[in-house]
Amino acid sequence: MFPWLTALIAWPLVGAAVVALGALGRSRTGSANAGTGLARPIALVFSLVEVVLLVGAFLAFDTGAAAEHQLAETHAWIPQIGTSYAVAVDGVGLLLVALAVVLVPLVLLAAWNEQGRDEVRLRRFVGLVLLLQAFMVAVFAARDVFLFYVLFEAMLIPAYFLIGGFGQGAGRRQAAVKFLMFSLGGGLIMLAAVIALYFLAVGAGVDPSKAFLVDELVGVNLGTIAERLMFVGFFVAFAIKAPMIPVHSWLPDVAGNATPGTSTLLICVLDKVGTFGMLTLCLPLFPEASRWAAPFVIALAVISVLYGAIMAIMQTDLLRLVGWTSVSHFGFIILGIFTFTPLGTAGSSFMMLNHGLATGALFLVAGFLVARHPERSQRITDYRGLRSVTPVLAGTFLVAGLATLSLPGLATFVSEIMVLIGAFGGAPAGSAAWTVAAIPGVVLAAIYVLLTYQKIFTGAPAEGLEALPDLKARERIVAAPLVVGLLVLGLVPGLALTYVDAPAQQSATTIAVDEPADAAAQMGSDK
């Protein structure tokens, strides 16, 4: 069987090496501006070939067994400590791999005119993007806890340099350091839990050569206190990545200072590692601790929904506003995961995909808008009346915004409704009350999206903005797949629910909650 996942991981690494060697060669000649500007097209070609590999992985994946981890490979990595290169994906993992693969060429196209004409700088930028893509694909496929941890930390390297070295805000270096410190702090706590998990698993009779494999660890009796402590270790790291109140404050700073493309990859893909880790590691490895912590986690999730939405309404910086919307939407995702129902879990899994499409579109279109301003201003008050000046840009921004507020007919509506209905009947005490408390977040989303659209696009054009160009062909190519994806998955959600429904059922079984309802069937989806 062809190693599809290894190919998807290795190919961007090859691309990163190619462009990095080109940068090294040019720096030795001392000619930063030499060359024919091949960095962008080379990186784009590698990212498009990655999409072809993704298609092959989808064709090889059996949707009838979406709860099983398929396309699996296991090879000894460090035999002395029992860790392996073990990769496989279920339906949820495959969709998140697809999100990472599809967004990268769009980000490269969106950033086509960024970073000036310095060929060395361009090669370093696109090389870091491809390196980050490889790590993101790998972490969603990792089935060895130690491998997952290494990838979880390794992603910080390209992310840090993309924020601090290639950002566009005055505070980009401070934002990069803040991101790094939060993530490293959570990672160190997780490392302690990973080590403890290994020793306890071996003590419980697991073969030391397999004691990091997730499949070997599921069902191991760790003891109540130890299980809860290890759950906290993993959960804190994932909550920081997610991001969740109160460990969220790095995200708005990154959104306001990184390039829109970098923010798209970090917030729309990399941050999903947090919620993905909660779903695929915390729940199956620590089921009793997950049930124990669920009421507290649900409370924090609802607070994130409301606080993130309120802060978004208060923003004057457009890109920070988009960042705060993600704090709110990640709250919905976590709410669905920790109510332990198939419907809520499937909704959360689907929402991870939809959030990436909607927020990615919003970040990239906002970036196109900022790039058109004479001073590249991110202040909302510096714009007005652009609907008559840039109608295509205005319409695309509106569609992305309506997807963010979960308008019926768009994919985000389906997933959000699934989360709310599933959470209302969730097993943890108080789930129904907390779900009702989260509903105003839907109304607040409409406020921050529609108010922002009104301020920027309605009325008479602001002085100096009367002749701004509309979206060009390259920018329309970037926006079109995201808008089409939101429409198609909104009208035919069964295309994605086919991949997330069975894993949601299995998750509910693992967590020992008796809820046999079929998520896709409840939504009336056409499979």
Protein backbone atom coordinates (compact mmCIF):
# COMPACT_ATOMS: atom_id res chain seq x y z
CA MET A 1 0.00 0.00 0.00
CA PHE A 2 1.33 3.43 -0.91
CA PRO A 3 2.40 5.44 2.19
CA TRP A 4 0.05 8.36 1.61
CA LEU A 5 0.56 10.03 4.98
CA THR A 6 4.33 9.81 4.85
CA ALA A 7 4.22 11.28 1.35
CA LEU A 8 2.00 14.12 2.58
CA ILE A 9 4.48 14.82 5.38
CA ALA A 10 7.68 14.43 3.36
CA TRP A 11 6.72 16.35 0.22
CA PRO A 12 6.48 19.82 1.89
CA LEU A 13 9.80 19.08 3.63
CA VAL A 14 11.36 18.48 0.23
CA GLY A 15 9.88 21.74 -0.99
CA ALA A 16 11.16 23.62 2.06
CA ALA A 17 14.63 22.16 1.49
CA VAL A 18 14.62 23.18 -2.17
CA VAL A 19 13.74 26.81 -1.48
CA ALA A 20 16.03 26.97 1.59
CA LEU A 21 19.02 25.73 -0.42
CA GLY A 22 18.24 28.37 -3.00
CA ALA A 23 18.25 31.04 -0.30
CA LEU A 24 21.58 29.77 1.05
CA GLY A 25 23.16 29.81 -2.36
CA ARG A 26 22.07 33.36 -3.11
CA SER A 27 23.15 34.65 0.30
CA ARG A 28 26.67 33.31 -0.39
CA THR A 29 26.82 35.26 -3.64
CA GLY A 30 25.90 38.40 -1.74
CA SER A 31 23.12 39.26 -4.19
CA ALA A 32 19.87 39.48 -2.26
CA ASN A 33 17.93 40.76 -5.24
CA ALA A 34 19.41 38.41 -7.78
CA GLY A 35 17.36 35.72 -9.41
CA THR A 36 14.13 35.60 -11.29
CA GLY A 37 11.72 35.41 -8.37
CA LEU A 38 11.28 31.64 -8.51
CA ALA A 39 10.67 31.18 -4.77
CA ARG A 40 6.92 31.77 -5.00
CA PRO A 41 6.17 29.59 -8.04
CA ILE A 42 8.38 26.77 -6.75
CA ALA A 43 6.59 26.77 -3.39
CA LEU A 44 3.21 26.99 -5.12
CA VAL A 45 3.99 24.00 -7.33
CA PHE A 46 5.02 21.94 -4.32
CA SER A 47 1.82 22.92 -2.48
CA LEU A 48 -0.35 22.01 -5.49
CA VAL A 49 1.32 18.62 -5.83
CA GLU A 50 0.52 18.17 -2.14
CA VAL A 51 -3.15 18.67 -3.03
CA VAL A 52 -2.84 15.86 -5.59
CA LEU A 53 -1.38 13.60 -2.90
CA LEU A 54 -4.30 14.55 -0.67
CA VAL A 55 -6.75 13.41 -3.33
CA GLY A 56 -4.96 10.06 -3.42
CA ALA A 57 -5.25 9.75 0.36
CA PHE A 58 -8.99 10.44 0.19
CA LEU A 59 -9.44 7.82 -2.52
CA ALA A 60 -7.57 5.27 -0.41
CA PHE A 61 -9.60 6.06 2.72
CA ASP A 62 -12.62 3.84 3.44
CA THR A 63 -15.46 6.14 4.52
CA GLY A 64 -17.45 3.13 5.66
CA ALA A 65 -14.92 2.65 8.44
CA ALA A 66 -14.25 6.31 9.22
CA ALA A 67 -13.92 5.62 12.95
CA GLU A 68 -10.91 3.38 12.31
CA HIS A 69 -7.44 4.83 11.92
CA GLN A 70 -6.48 4.05 8.34
CA LEU A 71 -3.50 4.62 5.99
CA ALA A 72 -1.47 3.41 8.95
CA GLU A 73 2.30 3.06 9.17
CA THR A 74 4.33 2.07 12.22
CA HIS A 75 8.11 1.96 12.33
CA ALA A 76 10.46 1.86 15.31
CA TRP A 77 11.95 5.31 15.91
CA ILE A 78 13.80 5.31 19.25
CA PRO A 79 13.59 1.67 20.43
CA GLN A 80 15.41 2.44 23.68
CA ILE A 81 12.40 4.41 24.94
CA GLY A 82 9.72 2.56 23.01
CA THR A 83 8.65 5.37 20.71
CA SER A 84 7.65 4.84 17.09
CA TYR A 85 6.96 6.69 13.89
CA ALA A 86 3.28 5.76 13.95
CA VAL A 87 0.85 7.62 11.72
CA ALA A 88 -2.78 7.00 10.78
CA VAL A 89 -5.97 9.03 10.45
CA ASP A 90 -9.64 8.55 11.15
CA GLY A 91 -12.24 10.70 9.41
CA VAL A 92 -11.66 13.72 11.64
CA GLY A 93 -7.91 13.60 11.24
CA LEU A 94 -8.21 13.28 7.46
CA LEU A 95 -10.42 16.39 7.24
CA LEU A 96 -7.95 18.42 9.30
CA VAL A 97 -5.07 17.19 7.16
CA ALA A 98 -7.11 18.35 4.16
CA LEU A 99 -7.61 21.76 5.77
CA ALA A 100 -3.85 22.19 6.21
CA VAL A 101 -3.11 21.02 2.66
CA VAL A 102 -5.75 23.18 0.95
CA LEU A 103 -5.04 26.41 2.82
CA VAL A 104 -1.30 26.52 2.12
CA PRO A 105 -1.48 27.19 -1.67
CA LEU A 106 -4.19 29.79 -1.00
CA VAL A 107 -1.97 31.50 1.58
CA LEU A 108 0.97 31.46 -0.83
CA LEU A 109 -1.17 33.03 -3.56
CA ALA A 110 -2.58 35.62 -1.14
CA ALA A 111 0.95 36.61 -0.06
CA TRP A 112 2.27 36.77 -3.62
CA ASN A 113 3.22 40.45 -3.40
CA GLU A 114 4.35 40.45 0.23
CA GLN A 115 7.93 40.47 1.58
CA GLY A 116 9.26 42.81 -1.13
CA ARG A 117 11.72 41.79 -3.86
CA ASP A 118 14.43 40.32 -1.66
CA GLU A 119 14.80 36.81 -3.12
CA VAL A 120 16.53 35.41 -0.04
CA ARG A 121 13.81 36.71 2.25
CA LEU A 122 11.11 35.33 -0.03
CA ARG A 123 12.69 31.88 -0.06
CA ARG A 124 12.94 31.85 3.71
CA PHE A 125 9.30 32.88 4.04
CA VAL A 126 7.85 30.26 1.69
CA GLY A 127 10.24 27.64 3.09
CA LEU A 128 8.87 28.26 6.59
CA VAL A 129 5.30 27.97 5.27
CA LEU A 130 6.05 24.58 3.71
CA LEU A 131 7.87 23.43 6.85
CA LEU A 132 4.86 24.41 8.97
CA GLN A 133 2.58 22.52 6.60
CA ALA A 134 4.60 19.33 7.02
CA PHE A 135 4.42 19.59 10.81
CA MET A 136 0.68 20.30 10.78
CA VAL A 137 -0.06 17.28 8.58
CA ALA A 138 2.16 15.10 10.76
CA VAL A 139 0.63 16.14 14.07
CA PHE A 140 -2.90 15.36 12.87
CA ALA A 141 -1.69 11.90 11.81
CA ALA A 142 0.54 11.02 14.80
CA ARG A 143 -0.55 7.93 16.74
CA ASP A 144 2.42 7.80 19.10
CA VAL A 145 2.13 10.14 22.10
CA PHE A 146 5.84 10.97 22.14
CA LEU A 147 5.85 11.67 18.40
CA PHE A 148 2.77 13.85 18.86
CA TYR A 149 4.55 15.83 21.58
CA VAL A 150 7.68 16.35 19.46
CA LEU A 151 5.59 17.62 16.55
CA PHE A 152 3.46 19.72 18.92
CA GLU A 153 6.63 21.56 19.97
CA ALA A 154 8.37 21.53 16.58
CA MET A 155 5.52 23.54 15.03
CA LEU A 156 6.54 26.45 17.22
CA ILE A 157 9.78 26.99 15.30
CA PRO A 158 8.38 27.99 11.88
CA ALA A 159 5.39 29.68 13.54
CA TYR A 160 7.66 31.85 15.72
CA PHE A 161 9.74 33.05 12.77
CA LEU A 162 6.69 33.63 10.57
CA ILE A 163 5.21 35.91 13.24
CA GLY A 164 8.33 37.73 14.44
CA GLY A 165 10.42 37.77 11.28
CA PHE A 166 7.80 38.27 8.59
CA GLY A 167 4.90 39.97 10.40
CA GLN A 168 3.54 43.38 9.49
CA GLY A 169 2.70 44.92 12.88
CA ALA A 170 4.96 47.06 15.04
CA GLY A 171 4.55 44.58 17.90
CA ARG A 172 5.29 41.45 15.86
CA ARG A 173 8.39 40.47 17.83
CA GLN A 174 6.63 40.85 21.16
CA ALA A 175 3.67 38.88 19.79
CA ALA A 176 6.02 36.12 18.61
CA VAL A 177 7.71 35.89 22.01
CA LYS A 178 4.35 35.84 23.80
CA PHE A 179 3.11 33.07 21.53
CA LEU A 180 6.31 31.10 22.13
CA MET A 181 6.24 31.51 25.92
CA PHE A 182 2.61 30.45 26.25
CA SER A 183 3.11 27.46 23.97
CA LEU A 184 6.38 26.34 25.56
CA GLY A 185 4.88 26.62 29.03
CA GLY A 186 1.97 24.39 28.06
CA GLY A 187 4.32 22.02 26.26
CA LEU A 188 6.53 21.53 29.33
CA ILE A 189 3.50 20.64 31.43
CA MET A 190 2.43 18.19 28.74
CA LEU A 191 5.91 16.65 28.61
CA ALA A 192 5.73 15.81 32.32
CA ALA A 193 2.37 14.13 31.71
CA VAL A 194 3.76 12.20 28.69
CA ILE A 195 6.64 10.81 30.76
CA ALA A 196 4.35 9.89 33.63
CA LEU A 197 1.94 8.21 31.23
CA TYR A 198 4.74 6.02 29.86
CA PHE A 199 5.88 4.77 33.28
CA LEU A 200 2.35 4.14 34.52
CA ALA A 201 1.45 2.27 31.33
CA VAL A 202 4.52 0.05 31.63
CA GLY A 203 3.67 -0.53 35.29
CA ALA A 204 0.16 -1.56 34.24
CA GLY A 205 1.57 -4.26 31.93
CA VAL A 206 1.91 -2.48 28.57
CA ASP A 207 4.88 -3.67 26.49
CA PRO A 208 7.62 -1.01 26.96
CA SER A 209 8.34 -1.10 23.22
CA LYS A 210 4.74 0.02 22.56
CA ALA A 211 4.02 2.14 25.63
CA PHE A 212 3.72 5.40 23.65
CA LEU A 213 1.29 4.05 21.04
CA VAL A 214 -2.16 5.56 21.50
CA ASP A 215 -3.93 2.31 20.61
CA GLU A 216 -1.99 0.47 23.34
CA LEU A 217 -2.75 3.15 25.94
CA VAL A 218 -6.52 3.29 25.49
CA GLY A 219 -8.22 1.39 28.29
CA VAL A 220 -5.15 1.17 30.56
CA ASN A 221 -6.05 1.59 34.25
CA LEU A 222 -3.89 4.48 35.46
CA GLY A 223 -5.52 5.11 38.83
CA THR A 224 -7.92 7.94 39.54
CA ILE A 225 -5.52 10.55 40.91
CA ALA A 226 -2.80 9.85 38.35
CA GLU A 227 -5.28 9.92 35.47
CA ARG A 228 -6.66 13.27 36.57
CA LEU A 229 -3.21 14.79 36.94
CA MET A 230 -2.17 13.60 33.49
CA PHE A 231 -5.42 14.86 32.00
CA VAL A 232 -4.66 18.31 33.43
CA GLY A 233 -1.15 18.17 31.94
CA PHE A 234 -2.45 17.43 28.46
CA PHE A 235 -5.48 19.69 28.72
CA VAL A 236 -3.55 22.81 29.76
CA ALA A 237 -1.29 22.50 26.70
CA PHE A 238 -4.30 21.98 24.44
CA ALA A 239 -6.27 24.84 26.04
CA ILE A 240 -3.40 27.24 25.32
CA LYS A 241 -3.26 26.10 21.73
CA ALA A 242 -7.04 26.15 21.29
CA PRO A 243 -7.08 29.09 22.62
CA MET A 244 -9.35 29.05 25.65
CA ILE A 245 -10.08 31.55 28.40
CA PRO A 246 -7.96 32.35 30.46
CA VAL A 247 -4.88 31.28 28.45
CA HIS A 248 -5.92 32.98 25.23
CA SER A 249 -4.29 36.41 25.29
CA TRP A 250 -1.50 35.54 22.84
CA LEU A 251 -3.97 35.05 19.98
CA PRO A 252 -5.26 38.64 19.46
CA ASP A 253 -1.67 39.91 19.55
CA VAL A 254 -0.63 37.41 16.89
CA ALA A 255 -3.67 38.22 14.74
CA GLY A 256 -2.91 41.94 14.89
CA ASN A 257 0.81 41.66 14.09
CA ALA A 258 1.31 38.62 11.84
CA THR A 259 0.54 38.68 8.14
CA PRO A 260 -3.03 37.59 7.31
CA GLY A 261 -1.64 34.44 5.69
CA THR A 262 0.35 33.51 8.78
CA SER A 263 -2.70 34.14 10.97
CA THR A 264 -4.73 31.91 8.66
CA LEU A 265 -2.34 29.00 9.13
CA LEU A 266 -1.85 29.52 12.86
CA ILE A 267 -5.45 30.18 13.90
CA CYS A 268 -7.36 28.21 11.28
CA VAL A 269 -5.15 25.10 11.27
CA LEU A 270 -2.43 24.99 13.93
CA ASP A 271 -4.80 25.96 16.75
CA LYS A 272 -7.01 23.00 15.83
CA VAL A 273 -4.27 20.83 17.31
CA GLY A 274 -5.65 21.94 20.68
CA THR A 275 -9.22 20.81 20.11
CA PHE A 276 -8.07 17.79 18.08
CA GLY A 277 -5.85 16.76 21.01
CA MET A 278 -8.74 17.08 23.44
CA LEU A 279 -10.88 14.86 21.23
CA THR A 280 -8.34 12.22 20.22
CA LEU A 281 -6.05 12.08 23.27
CA CYS A 282 -7.75 13.47 26.38
CA LEU A 283 -11.08 11.67 25.96
CA PRO A 284 -9.87 8.17 25.01
CA LEU A 285 -6.77 8.11 27.24
CA PHE A 286 -8.36 9.71 30.30
CA PRO A 287 -12.12 8.98 30.15
CA GLU A 288 -12.79 9.17 33.90
CA ALA A 289 -10.80 12.38 34.24
CA SER A 290 -12.60 13.85 31.22
CA ARG A 291 -15.97 13.20 32.87
CA TRP A 292 -14.63 14.63 36.14
CA ALA A 293 -13.39 17.85 34.48
CA ALA A 294 -16.28 18.29 32.04
CA PRO A 295 -18.45 20.70 34.10
CA PHE A 296 -15.48 23.03 34.64
CA VAL A 297 -14.37 22.80 30.99
CA ILE A 298 -17.90 23.49 29.74
CA ALA A 299 -18.13 26.56 31.96
CA LEU A 300 -14.84 27.90 30.57
CA ALA A 301 -15.97 27.11 27.02
CA VAL A 302 -19.16 29.15 27.40
CA ILE A 303 -17.22 32.00 28.98
CA SER A 304 -14.90 31.89 25.96
CA VAL A 305 -17.90 32.05 23.62
CA LEU A 306 -19.33 35.15 25.28
CA TYR A 307 -16.13 36.96 26.22
CA GLY A 308 -14.55 36.44 22.81
CA ALA A 309 -17.66 37.82 21.07
CA ILE A 310 -17.89 40.85 23.36
CA MET A 311 -14.20 41.65 22.86
CA ALA A 312 -14.65 41.33 19.09
CA ILE A 313 -17.40 43.96 19.19
CA MET A 314 -15.07 46.33 21.06
CA GLN A 315 -12.15 46.08 18.63
CA THR A 316 -10.96 48.95 16.43
CA ASP A 317 -8.30 46.83 14.67
CA LEU A 318 -9.80 44.66 11.92
CA LEU A 319 -7.35 41.76 12.20
CA ARG A 320 -7.52 41.66 15.99
CA LEU A 321 -11.32 41.55 15.64
CA VAL A 322 -11.04 38.43 13.48
CA GLY A 323 -8.71 36.94 16.08
CA TRP A 324 -11.21 37.51 18.87
CA THR A 325 -13.98 35.85 16.85
CA SER A 326 -11.89 32.69 16.94
CA VAL A 327 -11.71 32.75 20.75
CA SER A 328 -15.51 32.71 20.69
CA HIS A 329 -15.84 29.97 18.09
CA PHE A 330 -13.29 27.70 19.72
CA GLY A 331 -15.52 27.91 22.79
CA PHE A 332 -18.33 26.33 20.78
CA ILE A 333 -16.00 23.56 19.56
CA ILE A 334 -14.85 22.71 23.08
CA LEU A 335 -18.43 22.83 24.36
CA GLY A 336 -19.46 20.16 21.85
CA ILE A 337 -16.49 17.93 22.65
CA PHE A 338 -17.04 17.88 26.40
CA THR A 339 -20.76 17.20 26.37
CA PHE A 340 -19.93 13.67 25.15
CA THR A 341 -22.85 13.19 22.75
CA PRO A 342 -22.36 11.87 19.20
CA LEU A 343 -24.25 14.86 17.79
CA GLY A 344 -22.26 17.42 19.76
CA THR A 345 -18.94 15.72 19.05
CA ALA A 346 -19.68 15.38 15.33
CA GLY A 347 -20.72 19.05 15.29
CA SER A 348 -17.44 20.06 16.94
CA SER A 349 -15.43 17.99 14.46
CA PHE A 350 -17.33 19.52 11.55
CA MET A 351 -16.93 22.99 13.07
CA MET A 352 -13.14 22.58 13.17
CA LEU A 353 -13.23 22.29 9.40
CA ASN A 354 -15.81 25.03 8.88
CA HIS A 355 -14.06 27.49 11.17
CA GLY A 356 -10.89 27.04 9.13
CA LEU A 357 -12.71 27.85 5.90
CA ALA A 358 -14.75 30.80 7.22
CA THR A 359 -12.09 32.45 9.36
CA GLY A 360 -9.44 31.76 6.73
CA ALA A 361 -11.58 33.59 4.18
CA LEU A 362 -12.15 36.46 6.60
CA PHE A 363 -8.43 36.82 7.40
CA LEU A 364 -7.33 36.70 3.78
CA VAL A 365 -10.01 39.10 2.49
CA ALA A 366 -9.27 41.47 5.38
CA GLY A 367 -5.62 41.27 4.33
CA PHE A 368 -6.55 42.23 0.76
CA LEU A 369 -8.45 45.20 2.16
CA VAL A 370 -5.56 46.37 4.37
CA ALA A 371 -3.09 46.01 1.47
CA ARG A 372 -5.19 48.49 -0.55
CA HIS A 373 -5.13 51.25 2.05
CA PRO A 374 -2.52 53.95 1.28
CA GLU A 375 -1.11 53.55 4.80
CA ARG A 376 -1.92 49.83 5.17
CA SER A 377 -4.11 50.75 8.11
CA GLN A 378 -5.84 48.02 10.11
CA ARG A 379 -8.10 50.51 11.92
CA ILE A 380 -11.75 49.98 11.07
CA THR A 381 -12.47 53.71 11.35
CA ASP A 382 -10.04 54.45 8.50
CA TYR A 383 -12.43 52.80 6.03
CA ARG A 384 -15.89 53.72 4.77
CA GLY A 385 -18.12 53.32 1.76
CA LEU A 386 -16.13 50.67 -0.10
CA ARG A 387 -19.16 48.71 -1.29
CA SER A 388 -19.50 51.02 -4.31
CA VAL A 389 -15.73 51.17 -4.87
CA THR A 390 -14.78 47.48 -4.48
CA PRO A 391 -18.04 45.53 -4.85
CA VAL A 392 -16.44 42.09 -5.27
CA LEU A 393 -14.24 42.58 -2.22
CA ALA A 394 -17.25 43.81 -0.25
CA GLY A 395 -19.37 40.85 -1.32
CA THR A 396 -16.65 38.34 -0.50
CA PHE A 397 -16.09 39.91 2.92
CA LEU A 398 -19.84 39.75 3.56
CA VAL A 399 -20.07 36.05 2.66
CA ALA A 400 -17.11 35.25 4.92
CA GLY A 401 -18.67 37.33 7.68
CA LEU A 402 -22.06 35.68 7.30
CA ALA A 403 -20.35 32.30 7.53
CA THR A 404 -18.66 33.48 10.73
CA LEU A 405 -22.05 34.35 12.25
CA SER A 406 -23.43 30.98 11.08
CA LEU A 407 -26.02 32.10 8.56
CA PRO A 408 -28.34 29.25 7.44
CA GLY A 409 -27.21 27.86 4.11
CA LEU A 410 -23.53 28.07 5.02
CA ALA A 411 -21.50 25.24 6.54
CA THR A 412 -20.91 26.91 9.89
CA PHE A 413 -24.65 27.01 10.60
CA VAL A 414 -24.93 23.24 10.39
CA SER A 415 -22.03 22.57 12.73
CA GLU A 416 -23.05 25.21 15.27
CA ILE A 417 -26.61 23.89 15.46
CA MET A 418 -25.27 20.35 15.91
CA VAL A 419 -23.07 21.53 18.79
CA LEU A 420 -25.90 23.37 20.54
CA ILE A 421 -28.47 20.58 20.19
CA GLY A 422 -25.96 17.93 21.19
CA ALA A 423 -24.67 19.98 24.13
CA PHE A 424 -28.19 20.64 25.42
CA GLY A 425 -28.63 16.92 26.01
CA GLY A 426 -25.10 16.35 27.21
CA ALA A 427 -24.24 14.04 30.09
CA PRO A 428 -22.26 16.42 32.36
CA ALA A 429 -24.29 18.14 35.06
CA GLY A 430 -25.52 21.58 34.01
CA SER A 431 -24.92 21.03 30.29
CA ALA A 432 -28.38 22.28 29.34
CA ALA A 433 -28.07 25.46 31.42
CA TRP A 434 -24.61 26.25 30.07
CA THR A 435 -25.80 25.62 26.50
CA VAL A 436 -28.61 28.13 26.95
CA ALA A 437 -26.06 30.58 28.34
CA ALA A 438 -23.94 30.16 25.18
CA ILE A 439 -26.78 31.03 22.78
CA PRO A 440 -26.32 34.84 23.12
CA GLY A 441 -22.93 34.25 21.51
CA VAL A 442 -24.81 33.66 18.24
CA VAL A 443 -26.49 37.08 18.54
CA LEU A 444 -23.21 38.77 19.48
CA ALA A 445 -21.60 37.26 16.38
CA ALA A 446 -24.22 38.94 14.20
CA ILE A 447 -23.47 42.24 15.91
CA TYR A 448 -19.71 42.23 15.38
CA VAL A 449 -19.94 41.02 11.79
CA LEU A 450 -22.71 43.33 10.60
CA LEU A 451 -21.42 46.39 12.45
CA THR A 452 -17.98 45.88 10.94
CA TYR A 453 -19.44 45.49 7.46
CA GLN A 454 -21.53 48.63 7.95
CA LYS A 455 -18.57 50.71 9.11
CA ILE A 456 -16.24 49.63 6.31
CA PHE A 457 -18.44 49.19 3.29
CA THR A 458 -21.56 51.38 3.58
CA GLY A 459 -22.00 55.13 3.20
CA ALA A 460 -19.95 57.53 1.11
CA PRO A 461 -16.35 56.46 0.36
CA ALA A 462 -13.77 57.85 2.77
CA GLU A 463 -11.41 60.50 1.46
CA GLY A 464 -8.51 58.99 -0.42
CA LEU A 465 -10.23 55.64 -0.92
CA GLU A 466 -12.47 56.55 -3.84
CA ALA A 467 -10.32 54.79 -6.44
CA LEU A 468 -9.21 51.62 -4.67
CA PRO A 469 -8.94 48.61 -7.03
CA ASP A 470 -11.32 45.69 -6.61
CA LEU A 471 -10.16 42.10 -6.14
CA LYS A 472 -7.78 41.01 -8.89
CA ALA A 473 -7.84 37.62 -10.60
CA ARG A 474 -5.23 36.12 -8.23
CA GLU A 475 -7.18 37.31 -5.18
CA ARG A 476 -10.44 35.96 -6.57
CA ILE A 477 -8.76 32.58 -7.07
CA VAL A 478 -7.81 32.66 -3.39
CA ALA A 479 -11.29 33.54 -2.16
CA ALA A 480 -13.34 31.37 -4.51
CA PRO A 481 -12.49 27.89 -3.11
CA LEU A 482 -13.22 29.02 0.44
CA VAL A 483 -16.58 30.57 -0.47
CA VAL A 484 -17.54 27.55 -2.60
CA GLY A 485 -16.54 25.20 0.23
CA LEU A 486 -18.73 27.05 2.71
CA LEU A 487 -21.69 26.96 0.33
CA VAL A 488 -21.33 23.31 -0.69
CA LEU A 489 -20.86 22.04 2.87
CA GLY A 490 -23.76 24.22 4.00
CA LEU A 491 -26.11 22.75 1.42
CA VAL A 492 -24.75 19.18 1.43
CA PRO A 493 -23.19 18.73 4.90
CA GLY A 494 -23.27 14.96 4.53
CA LEU A 495 -20.12 15.24 2.40
CA ALA A 496 -18.18 16.01 5.59
CA LEU A 497 -20.42 14.32 8.16
CA THR A 498 -19.64 11.00 6.48
CA TYR A 499 -16.13 11.39 7.89
CA VAL A 500 -16.96 12.67 11.39
CA ASP A 501 -20.11 10.78 12.37
CA ALA A 502 -18.55 7.36 13.08
CA PRO A 503 -15.62 8.81 15.08
CA ALA A 504 -18.16 10.77 17.14
CA GLN A 505 -20.07 7.59 17.87
CA GLN A 506 -16.89 5.86 18.94
CA SER A 507 -15.86 8.79 21.13
CA ALA A 508 -19.19 8.65 22.98
CA THR A 509 -18.74 4.91 23.48
CA THR A 510 -15.19 5.35 24.76
CA ILE A 511 -16.23 7.99 27.25
CA ALA A 512 -18.97 5.59 28.43
CA VAL A 513 -21.94 7.76 27.61
CA ASP A 514 -24.97 5.86 26.33
CA GLU A 515 -26.14 8.01 23.43
CA PRO A 516 -26.74 5.94 20.29
CA ALA A 517 -28.15 8.68 18.07
CA ASP A 518 -26.57 9.01 14.65
CA ALA A 519 -25.29 12.55 14.14
CA ALA A 520 -25.67 12.69 10.40
CA ALA A 521 -29.13 11.13 10.54
CA GLN A 522 -30.27 13.64 13.16
CA MET A 523 -29.28 16.46 10.83
CA GLY A 524 -31.11 14.85 7.94
CA SER A 525 -27.92 14.78 5.90
CA ASP A 526 -27.70 13.09 2.53
CA LYS A 527 -24.84 10.64 2.62
